[in-house]
Amino acid sequence: MRQLILAVCISLLMMGCASVRMQTLAAGEAPVVVGPAVRDNRTPLESAMTCYNTKLADKLCGKKLQVAVGEIKDYTGKVISTKPLGDAKPVIDAGGIFNYARQTGMIAK
């Protein structure tokens, strides 16, 4: 009996550690979990990436940045072939893993 009372007391004390606050924003909507405010997540590389971004934008001078796979044509018109993509090629051609899964029937369309 003492163990049961102790277990109930501990569970009642622990409930305060895991409380979740819910808020309904508008009538008829499901309640939303309200959590802590969003924090500014700084990393040691942030200043380097900001500098790189600025230099890249200056170098492009309004040109579009393109990312390509397979056979790539550079600005001189020369075609550069990259290593084969193997099994990843159909996924890339489909535009992502979910599009590939829909096209192959792995998931419903």
Protein backbone atom coordinates (compact mmCIF):
# COMPACT_ATOMS: atom_id res chain seq x y z
CA MET A 1 0.00 0.00 0.00
CA ARG A 2 2.86 2.36 0.84
CA GLN A 3 4.35 1.79 -2.61
CA LEU A 4 1.05 2.69 -4.29
CA ILE A 5 0.74 5.91 -2.29
CA LEU A 6 4.37 6.76 -3.05
CA ALA A 7 3.83 6.12 -6.79
CA VAL A 8 0.73 8.34 -6.83
CA CYS A 9 2.56 11.15 -4.99
CA ILE A 10 5.54 10.98 -7.35
CA SER A 11 3.29 11.00 -10.41
CA LEU A 12 1.39 14.03 -9.07
CA LEU A 13 4.66 15.87 -8.43
CA MET A 14 6.00 15.01 -11.90
CA MET A 15 2.90 16.37 -13.65
CA GLY A 16 4.12 19.91 -12.99
CA CYS A 17 7.34 19.17 -14.90
CA ALA A 18 5.56 18.27 -18.11
CA SER A 19 2.69 20.69 -18.43
CA VAL A 20 1.65 21.69 -21.93
CA ARG A 21 -0.22 24.93 -22.53
CA MET A 22 -2.78 24.97 -25.33
CA GLN A 23 -4.40 28.03 -26.89
CA THR A 24 -7.33 28.28 -29.31
CA LEU A 25 -6.65 31.17 -31.69
CA ALA A 26 -10.07 31.37 -33.35
CA ALA A 27 -13.48 29.82 -32.89
CA GLY A 28 -13.80 26.40 -34.49
CA GLU A 29 -10.03 25.84 -34.78
CA ALA A 30 -8.07 23.15 -33.04
CA PRO A 31 -6.00 24.31 -30.07
CA VAL A 32 -2.33 25.07 -30.72
CA VAL A 33 0.50 24.09 -28.39
CA VAL A 34 2.10 27.25 -27.01
CA GLY A 35 5.81 26.91 -26.37
CA PRO A 36 8.76 29.12 -25.60
CA ALA A 37 9.65 32.06 -27.80
CA VAL A 38 11.82 31.47 -30.86
CA ARG A 39 15.51 31.98 -30.13
CA ASP A 40 18.11 33.51 -32.35
CA ASN A 41 20.37 30.57 -33.21
CA ARG A 42 23.86 31.91 -33.90
CA THR A 43 26.69 29.65 -35.08
CA PRO A 44 30.46 30.22 -35.26
CA LEU A 45 30.25 30.10 -39.09
CA GLU A 46 27.58 32.79 -39.40
CA SER A 47 29.95 35.71 -40.04
CA ALA A 48 31.92 33.68 -42.62
CA MET A 49 28.73 32.62 -44.44
CA THR A 50 27.40 36.20 -44.42
CA CYS A 51 30.67 37.40 -45.95
CA TYR A 52 30.55 34.61 -48.55
CA ASN A 53 26.95 35.48 -49.40
CA THR A 54 27.85 39.14 -49.94
CA LYS A 55 30.86 38.30 -52.12
CA LEU A 56 28.85 35.80 -54.16
CA ALA A 57 26.04 38.31 -54.73
CA ASP A 58 28.59 40.94 -55.83
CA LYS A 59 30.26 38.50 -58.23
CA LEU A 60 26.99 37.37 -59.83
CA CYS A 61 25.97 40.99 -60.60
CA GLY A 62 22.32 40.11 -61.22
CA LYS A 63 23.00 36.79 -63.00
CA LYS A 64 21.10 33.73 -61.87
CA LEU A 65 22.97 31.10 -59.91
CA GLN A 66 22.31 27.66 -61.36
CA VAL A 67 22.94 24.25 -59.89
CA ALA A 68 23.19 21.34 -62.31
CA VAL A 69 23.96 17.63 -62.35
CA GLY A 70 25.01 15.34 -65.18
CA GLU A 71 26.35 17.10 -68.26
CA ILE A 72 27.00 20.75 -67.43
CA LYS A 73 27.64 23.48 -70.00
CA ASP A 74 29.95 26.22 -68.76
CA TYR A 75 29.93 29.86 -69.91
CA THR A 76 32.28 29.07 -72.82
CA GLY A 77 29.88 26.44 -74.16
CA LYS A 78 32.15 23.54 -73.23
CA VAL A 79 30.25 20.51 -71.86
CA ILE A 80 31.67 19.03 -68.68
CA SER A 81 30.56 15.51 -67.73
CA THR A 82 30.33 14.65 -64.06
CA LYS A 83 30.46 11.23 -62.45
CA PRO A 84 27.35 9.08 -63.04
CA LEU A 85 24.57 9.61 -60.50
CA GLY A 86 23.62 5.94 -60.37
CA ASP A 87 20.43 5.09 -58.50
CA ALA A 88 19.97 8.73 -57.43
CA LYS A 89 19.35 9.93 -61.01
CA PRO A 90 15.64 8.90 -61.23
CA VAL A 91 14.97 10.58 -57.86
CA ILE A 92 16.69 13.80 -58.99
CA ASP A 93 14.91 13.73 -62.36
CA ALA A 94 11.56 13.32 -60.59
CA GLY A 95 12.24 16.41 -58.51
CA GLY A 96 12.64 14.79 -55.10
CA ILE A 97 12.05 11.63 -53.13
CA PHE A 98 8.29 12.17 -52.68
CA ASN A 99 7.69 12.88 -56.39
CA TYR A 100 9.71 9.77 -57.25
CA ALA A 101 7.69 7.70 -54.78
CA ARG A 102 4.42 8.93 -56.32
CA GLN A 103 5.60 8.27 -59.89
CA THR A 104 6.69 4.73 -59.05
CA GLY A 105 3.54 3.94 -57.06
CA MET A 106 5.26 3.67 -53.67
CA ILE A 107 2.79 6.19 -52.27
CA ALA A 108 -0.62 7.35 -53.47
CA LYS A 109 -0.80 10.30 -55.88
